[in-house]
Amino acid sequence: MESNISTTEKVKIDSDSIYATGRRKRSIAKVWLRKGSGKIIVNGKNLDNYFKRDTYQMQILRPFEIINQSSDYDVNCKVVGGGLTGQAGALVHGISKALVQLNSELKSALKKEKLTTRDSRSVERKKPGRAKARRSYQFSKR
Protein backbone atom coordinates (compact mmCIF):
# COMPACT_ATOMS: atom_id res chain seq x y z
CA MET A 1 0.00 0.00 0.00
CA GLU A 2 2.85 2.41 -0.83
CA SER A 3 0.64 4.35 -3.23
CA ASN A 4 -1.31 5.94 -0.35
CA ILE A 5 1.82 7.64 1.00
CA SER A 6 2.58 10.96 -0.67
CA THR A 7 6.02 11.52 -2.18
CA THR A 8 6.84 14.31 0.30
CA GLU A 9 6.48 11.88 3.19
CA LYS A 10 8.93 9.42 1.62
CA VAL A 11 11.79 11.96 1.62
CA LYS A 12 13.55 11.89 4.98
CA ILE A 13 14.35 15.42 6.14
CA ASP A 14 16.69 16.10 9.06
CA SER A 15 16.92 19.33 11.01
CA ASP A 16 20.67 19.59 10.29
CA SER A 17 20.12 19.51 6.50
CA ILE A 18 20.52 22.49 4.18
CA TYR A 19 17.68 22.92 1.65
CA ALA A 20 17.98 24.42 -1.84
CA THR A 21 15.97 24.33 -5.05
CA GLY A 22 17.55 23.90 -8.48
CA ARG A 23 15.90 24.41 -11.86
CA ARG A 24 16.72 23.56 -15.49
CA LYS A 25 14.32 23.56 -18.45
CA ARG A 26 11.07 22.09 -17.03
CA SER A 27 12.78 20.21 -14.17
CA ILE A 28 12.77 21.19 -10.50
CA ALA A 29 15.08 19.58 -7.94
CA LYS A 30 14.50 19.89 -4.20
CA VAL A 31 17.85 19.18 -2.55
CA TRP A 32 18.69 18.46 1.09
CA LEU A 33 22.44 18.46 1.81
CA ARG A 34 24.20 17.43 5.02
CA LYS A 35 27.56 16.19 6.23
CA GLY A 36 27.96 12.50 5.61
CA SER A 37 29.69 9.80 3.61
CA GLY A 38 29.00 10.86 0.02
CA LYS A 39 25.70 9.05 -0.53
CA ILE A 40 23.37 10.57 -3.16
CA ILE A 41 19.70 9.55 -3.16
CA VAL A 42 17.45 10.72 -6.05
CA ASN A 43 13.70 10.07 -5.70
CA GLY A 44 14.38 7.21 -3.28
CA LYS A 45 16.97 5.51 -5.53
CA ASN A 46 20.76 5.59 -5.55
CA LEU A 47 22.41 7.94 -8.05
CA ASP A 48 23.69 5.15 -10.32
CA ASN A 49 20.25 3.48 -10.38
CA TYR A 50 18.36 6.66 -11.29
CA PHE A 51 20.87 8.21 -13.72
CA LYS A 52 22.29 5.23 -15.62
CA ARG A 53 24.51 7.22 -18.01
CA ASP A 54 27.99 8.08 -16.81
CA THR A 55 27.75 11.60 -18.25
CA TYR A 56 24.82 12.45 -15.94
CA GLN A 57 26.63 11.00 -12.93
CA MET A 58 29.82 12.97 -13.72
CA GLN A 59 27.76 16.14 -14.20
CA ILE A 60 26.05 15.71 -10.81
CA LEU A 61 29.30 15.00 -8.96
CA ARG A 62 31.05 18.02 -10.54
CA PRO A 63 30.26 20.55 -7.75
CA PHE A 64 31.88 18.24 -5.19
CA GLU A 65 34.96 17.70 -7.38
CA ILE A 66 35.40 21.47 -7.79
CA ILE A 67 35.52 22.01 -4.03
CA ASN A 68 37.64 18.82 -3.53
CA GLN A 69 35.16 17.26 -1.07
CA SER A 70 33.59 14.48 -3.14
CA SER A 71 32.69 12.19 -0.23
CA ASP A 72 31.98 14.64 2.62
CA TYR A 73 28.28 15.32 1.99
CA ASP A 74 25.10 13.25 1.71
CA VAL A 75 22.48 14.44 -0.78
CA ASN A 76 18.80 13.54 -0.60
CA CYS A 77 16.70 15.02 -3.39
CA LYS A 78 13.36 14.88 -5.13
CA VAL A 79 13.34 15.70 -8.85
CA VAL A 80 10.17 16.30 -10.89
CA GLY A 81 9.44 17.33 -14.47
CA GLY A 82 11.39 17.27 -17.72
CA GLY A 83 13.74 14.57 -18.92
CA LEU A 84 16.93 13.16 -17.47
CA THR A 85 19.15 15.90 -18.93
CA GLY A 86 17.07 18.66 -17.38
CA GLN A 87 16.81 16.77 -14.10
CA ALA A 88 20.59 16.34 -13.91
CA GLY A 89 21.08 20.05 -14.59
CA ALA A 90 18.51 20.98 -11.94
CA LEU A 91 20.22 18.69 -9.45
CA VAL A 92 23.63 20.31 -10.11
CA HIS A 93 22.09 23.77 -9.64
CA GLY A 94 20.43 22.73 -6.36
CA ILE A 95 23.57 21.06 -4.98
CA SER A 96 25.66 24.15 -5.81
CA LYS A 97 23.18 26.49 -4.12
CA ALA A 98 23.10 24.27 -1.01
CA LEU A 99 26.91 24.17 -0.84
CA VAL A 100 27.04 27.98 -1.03
CA GLN A 101 24.49 28.20 1.82
CA LEU A 102 26.60 25.81 3.87
CA ASN A 103 29.90 27.64 3.21
CA SER A 104 29.90 31.02 1.49
CA GLU A 105 33.63 30.76 0.71
CA LEU A 106 32.82 28.14 -1.95
CA LYS A 107 30.76 30.63 -3.97
CA SER A 108 33.67 32.02 -6.03
CA ALA A 109 34.87 28.56 -7.13
CA LEU A 110 31.37 27.38 -8.05
CA LYS A 111 30.47 30.67 -9.72
CA LYS A 112 33.60 30.53 -11.88
CA GLU A 113 32.33 27.19 -13.25
CA LYS A 114 28.84 28.75 -13.73
CA LEU A 115 27.11 26.24 -11.45
CA THR A 116 25.31 28.69 -9.14
CA THR A 117 23.49 30.46 -11.99
CA ARG A 118 20.30 28.98 -13.44
CA ASP A 119 20.71 27.90 -17.06
CA SER A 120 17.82 29.78 -18.65
CA ARG A 121 17.99 28.07 -22.05
CA SER A 122 14.86 26.19 -23.04
CA VAL A 123 13.20 24.83 -26.17
CA GLU A 124 12.24 27.49 -28.70
CA ARG A 125 8.59 27.42 -29.67
CA LYS A 126 7.34 26.44 -33.12
CA LYS A 127 6.31 29.37 -35.33
CA PRO A 128 3.38 29.40 -37.76
CA GLY A 129 4.34 28.94 -41.41
CA ARG A 130 7.42 26.93 -40.44
CA ALA A 131 8.06 23.20 -40.06
CA LYS A 132 9.74 23.62 -36.66
CA ALA A 133 11.02 26.62 -34.71
CA ARG A 134 13.32 27.81 -37.51
CA ARG A 135 13.15 25.16 -40.24
CA SER A 136 11.09 26.12 -43.26
CA TYR A 137 8.97 23.75 -45.31
CA GLN A 138 10.74 22.27 -48.34
CA PHE A 139 10.59 24.54 -51.37
CA SER A 140 9.14 23.03 -54.52
CA LYS A 141 9.90 24.81 -57.79
CA ARG A 142 7.26 22.88 -59.78
C-alpha atoms as a PDB file:
ATOM      1  CA  MET A   1       0.000   0.000   0.000  1.00  0.00           C
ATOM      2  CA  GLU A   2       2.851   2.407  -0.828  1.00  0.00           C
ATOM      3  CA  SER A   3       0.635   4.349  -3.232  1.00  0.00           C
ATOM      4  CA  ASN A   4      -1.311   5.937  -0.352  1.00  0.00           C
ATOM      5  CA  ILE A   5       1.824   7.638   1.001  1.00  0.00           C
ATOM      6  CA  SER A   6       2.580  10.958  -0.674  1.00  0.00           C
ATOM      7  CA  THR A   7       6.021  11.522  -2.180  1.00  0.00           C
ATOM      8  CA  THR A   8       6.843  14.308   0.296  1.00  0.00           C
ATOM      9  CA  GLU A   9       6.477  11.883   3.192  1.00  0.00           C
ATOM     10  CA  LYS A  10       8.931   9.421   1.622  1.00  0.00           C
ATOM     11  CA  VAL A  11      11.786  11.960   1.624  1.00  0.00           C
ATOM     12  CA  LYS A  12      13.546  11.888   4.982  1.00  0.00           C
ATOM     13  CA  ILE A  13      14.346  15.418   6.142  1.00  0.00           C
ATOM     14  CA  ASP A  14      16.686  16.095   9.065  1.00  0.00           C
ATOM     15  CA  SER A  15      16.917  19.329  11.008  1.00  0.00           C
ATOM     16  CA  ASP A  16      20.665  19.585  10.294  1.00  0.00           C
ATOM     17  CA  SER A  17      20.116  19.513   6.499  1.00  0.00           C
ATOM     18  CA  ILE A  18      20.525  22.493   4.180  1.00  0.00           C
ATOM     19  CA  TYR A  19      17.680  22.917   1.653  1.00  0.00           C
ATOM     20  CA  ALA A  20      17.982  24.415  -1.837  1.00  0.00           C
ATOM     21  CA  THR A  21      15.967  24.332  -5.048  1.00  0.00           C
ATOM     22  CA  GLY A  22      17.547  23.899  -8.479  1.00  0.00           C
ATOM     23  CA  ARG A  23      15.898  24.412 -11.862  1.00  0.00           C
ATOM     24  CA  ARG A  24      16.725  23.565 -15.486  1.00  0.00           C
ATOM     25  CA  LYS A  25      14.317  23.559 -18.455  1.00  0.00           C
ATOM     26  CA  ARG A  26      11.073  22.090 -17.029  1.00  0.00           C
ATOM     27  CA  SER A  27      12.780  20.211 -14.167  1.00  0.00           C
ATOM     28  CA  ILE A  28      12.765  21.190 -10.505  1.00  0.00           C
ATOM     29  CA  ALA A  29      15.081  19.582  -7.937  1.00  0.00           C
ATOM     30  CA  LYS A  30      14.497  19.888  -4.199  1.00  0.00           C
ATOM     31  CA  VAL A  31      17.847  19.180  -2.546  1.00  0.00           C
ATOM     32  CA  TRP A  32      18.692  18.459   1.094  1.00  0.00           C
ATOM     33  CA  LEU A  33      22.443  18.464   1.814  1.00  0.00           C
ATOM     34  CA  ARG A  34      24.201  17.433   5.020  1.00  0.00           C
ATOM     35  CA  LYS A  35      27.562  16.186   6.229  1.00  0.00           C
ATOM     36  CA  GLY A  36      27.957  12.497   5.610  1.00  0.00           C
ATOM     37  CA  SER A  37      29.693   9.797   3.609  1.00  0.00           C
ATOM     38  CA  GLY A  38      29.001  10.862   0.016  1.00  0.00           C
ATOM     39  CA  LYS A  39      25.695   9.050  -0.531  1.00  0.00           C
ATOM     40  CA  ILE A  40      23.370  10.571  -3.159  1.00  0.00           C
ATOM     41  CA  ILE A  41      19.702   9.547  -3.163  1.00  0.00           C
ATOM     42  CA  VAL A  42      17.454  10.719  -6.048  1.00  0.00           C
ATOM     43  CA  ASN A  43      13.699  10.068  -5.700  1.00  0.00           C
ATOM     44  CA  GLY A  44      14.382   7.211  -3.276  1.00  0.00           C
ATOM     45  CA  LYS A  45      16.971   5.513  -5.529  1.00  0.00           C
ATOM     46  CA  ASN A  46      20.764   5.591  -5.550  1.00  0.00           C
ATOM     47  CA  LEU A  47      22.411   7.943  -8.047  1.00  0.00           C
ATOM     48  CA  ASP A  48      23.693   5.146 -10.317  1.00  0.00           C
ATOM     49  CA  ASN A  49      20.254   3.477 -10.380  1.00  0.00           C
ATOM     50  CA  TYR A  50      18.357   6.658 -11.289  1.00  0.00           C
ATOM     51  CA  PHE A  51      20.874   8.210 -13.716  1.00  0.00           C
ATOM     52  CA  LYS A  52      22.288   5.229 -15.619  1.00  0.00           C
ATOM     53  CA  ARG A  53      24.514   7.223 -18.015  1.00  0.00           C
ATOM     54  CA  ASP A  54      27.992   8.079 -16.806  1.00  0.00           C
ATOM     55  CA  THR A  55      27.748  11.596 -18.253  1.00  0.00           C
ATOM     56  CA  TYR A  56      24.824  12.453 -15.942  1.00  0.00           C
ATOM     57  CA  GLN A  57      26.630  11.002 -12.934  1.00  0.00           C
ATOM     58  CA  MET A  58      29.817  12.974 -13.720  1.00  0.00           C
ATOM     59  CA  GLN A  59      27.761  16.139 -14.196  1.00  0.00           C
ATOM     60  CA  ILE A  60      26.051  15.712 -10.809  1.00  0.00           C
ATOM     61  CA  LEU A  61      29.304  14.996  -8.964  1.00  0.00           C
ATOM     62  CA  ARG A  62      31.046  18.017 -10.543  1.00  0.00           C
ATOM     63  CA  PRO A  63      30.261  20.555  -7.755  1.00  0.00           C
ATOM     64  CA  PHE A  64      31.876  18.237  -5.189  1.00  0.00           C
ATOM     65  CA  GLU A  65      34.965  17.705  -7.381  1.00  0.00           C
ATOM     66  CA  ILE A  66      35.405  21.474  -7.792  1.00  0.00           C
ATOM     67  CA  ILE A  67      35.517  22.006  -4.027  1.00  0.00           C
ATOM     68  CA  ASN A  68      37.644  18.815  -3.525  1.00  0.00           C
ATOM     69  CA  GLN A  69      35.162  17.260  -1.071  1.00  0.00           C
ATOM     70  CA  SER A  70      33.589  14.485  -3.144  1.00  0.00           C
ATOM     71  CA  SER A  71      32.691  12.190  -0.233  1.00  0.00           C
ATOM     72  CA  ASP A  72      31.984  14.639   2.615  1.00  0.00           C
ATOM     73  CA  TYR A  73      28.278  15.317   1.990  1.00  0.00           C
ATOM     74  CA  ASP A  74      25.100  13.254   1.708  1.00  0.00           C
ATOM     75  CA  VAL A  75      22.478  14.436  -0.777  1.00  0.00           C
ATOM     76  CA  ASN A  76      18.803  13.543  -0.605  1.00  0.00           C
ATOM     77  CA  CYS A  77      16.698  15.020  -3.385  1.00  0.00           C
ATOM     78  CA  LYS A  78      13.361  14.875  -5.129  1.00  0.00           C
ATOM     79  CA  VAL A  79      13.343  15.704  -8.853  1.00  0.00           C
ATOM     80  CA  VAL A  80      10.172  16.297 -10.894  1.00  0.00           C
ATOM     81  CA  GLY A  81       9.436  17.331 -14.470  1.00  0.00           C
ATOM     82  CA  GLY A  82      11.386  17.267 -17.719  1.00  0.00           C
ATOM     83  CA  GLY A  83      13.742  14.574 -18.919  1.00  0.00           C
ATOM     84  CA  LEU A  84      16.930  13.158 -17.470  1.00  0.00           C
ATOM     85  CA  THR A  85      19.154  15.902 -18.930  1.00  0.00           C
ATOM     86  CA  GLY A  86      17.071  18.657 -17.379  1.00  0.00           C
ATOM     87  CA  GLN A  87      16.813  16.773 -14.098  1.00  0.00           C
ATOM     88  CA  ALA A  88      20.586  16.336 -13.911  1.00  0.00           C
ATOM     89  CA  GLY A  89      21.085  20.054 -14.587  1.00  0.00           C
ATOM     90  CA  ALA A  90      18.512  20.984 -11.944  1.00  0.00           C
ATOM     91  CA  LEU A  91      20.223  18.693  -9.453  1.00  0.00           C
ATOM     92  CA  VAL A  92      23.629  20.312 -10.105  1.00  0.00           C
ATOM     93  CA  HIS A  93      22.089  23.770  -9.639  1.00  0.00           C
ATOM     94  CA  GLY A  94      20.434  22.725  -6.359  1.00  0.00           C
ATOM     95  CA  ILE A  95      23.574  21.065  -4.977  1.00  0.00           C
ATOM     96  CA  SER A  96      25.657  24.146  -5.813  1.00  0.00           C
ATOM     97  CA  LYS A  97      23.178  26.488  -4.121  1.00  0.00           C
ATOM     98  CA  ALA A  98      23.101  24.273  -1.010  1.00  0.00           C
ATOM     99  CA  LEU A  99      26.913  24.174  -0.844  1.00  0.00           C
ATOM    100  CA  VAL A 100      27.044  27.981  -1.027  1.00  0.00           C
ATOM    101  CA  GLN A 101      24.485  28.198   1.819  1.00  0.00           C
ATOM    102  CA  LEU A 102      26.604  25.813   3.869  1.00  0.00           C
ATOM    103  CA  ASN A 103      29.896  27.638   3.215  1.00  0.00           C
ATOM    104  CA  SER A 104      29.897  31.024   1.488  1.00  0.00           C
ATOM    105  CA  GLU A 105      33.635  30.756   0.709  1.00  0.00           C
ATOM    106  CA  LEU A 106      32.822  28.141  -1.955  1.00  0.00           C
ATOM    107  CA  LYS A 107      30.765  30.629  -3.974  1.00  0.00           C
ATOM    108  CA  SER A 108      33.673  32.020  -6.025  1.00  0.00           C
ATOM    109  CA  ALA A 109      34.870  28.564  -7.126  1.00  0.00           C
ATOM    110  CA  LEU A 110      31.373  27.378  -8.054  1.00  0.00           C
ATOM    111  CA  LYS A 111      30.467  30.675  -9.721  1.00  0.00           C
ATOM    112  CA  LYS A 112      33.597  30.525 -11.884  1.00  0.00           C
ATOM    113  CA  GLU A 113      32.331  27.188 -13.251  1.00  0.00           C
ATOM    114  CA  LYS A 114      28.837  28.747 -13.730  1.00  0.00           C
ATOM    115  CA  LEU A 115      27.107  26.239 -11.452  1.00  0.00           C
ATOM    116  CA  THR A 116      25.313  28.686  -9.143  1.00  0.00           C
ATOM    117  CA  THR A 117      23.489  30.457 -11.995  1.00  0.00           C
ATOM    118  CA  ARG A 118      20.296  28.980 -13.441  1.00  0.00           C
ATOM    119  CA  ASP A 119      20.709  27.896 -17.056  1.00  0.00           C
ATOM    120  CA  SER A 120      17.816  29.781 -18.651  1.00  0.00           C
ATOM    121  CA  ARG A 121      17.992  28.065 -22.052  1.00  0.00           C
ATOM    122  CA  SER A 122      14.858  26.187 -23.036  1.00  0.00           C
ATOM    123  CA  VAL A 123      13.204  24.827 -26.169  1.00  0.00           C
ATOM    124  CA  GLU A 124      12.244  27.487 -28.704  1.00  0.00           C
ATOM    125  CA  ARG A 125       8.586  27.425 -29.673  1.00  0.00           C
ATOM    126  CA  LYS A 126       7.335  26.438 -33.124  1.00  0.00           C
ATOM    127  CA  LYS A 127       6.310  29.367 -35.328  1.00  0.00           C
ATOM    128  CA  PRO A 128       3.378  29.399 -37.759  1.00  0.00           C
ATOM    129  CA  GLY A 129       4.338  28.936 -41.413  1.00  0.00           C
ATOM    130  CA  ARG A 130       7.420  26.930 -40.437  1.00  0.00           C
ATOM    131  CA  ALA A 131       8.055  23.204 -40.059  1.00  0.00           C
ATOM    132  CA  LYS A 132       9.739  23.615 -36.655  1.00  0.00           C
ATOM    133  CA  ALA A 133      11.025  26.620 -34.707  1.00  0.00           C
ATOM    134  CA  ARG A 134      13.321  27.808 -37.510  1.00  0.00           C
ATOM    135  CA  ARG A 135      13.153  25.161 -40.235  1.00  0.00           C
ATOM    136  CA  SER A 136      11.085  26.123 -43.259  1.00  0.00           C
ATOM    137  CA  TYR A 137       8.969  23.752 -45.310  1.00  0.00           C
ATOM    138  CA  GLN A 138      10.744  22.271 -48.339  1.00  0.00           C
ATOM    139  CA  PHE A 139      10.589  24.542 -51.369  1.00  0.00           C
ATOM    140  CA  SER A 140       9.137  23.034 -54.516  1.00  0.00           C
ATOM    141  CA  LYS A 141       9.895  24.809 -57.792  1.00  0.00           C
ATOM    142  CA  ARG A 142       7.256  22.881 -59.776  1.00  0.00           C
END
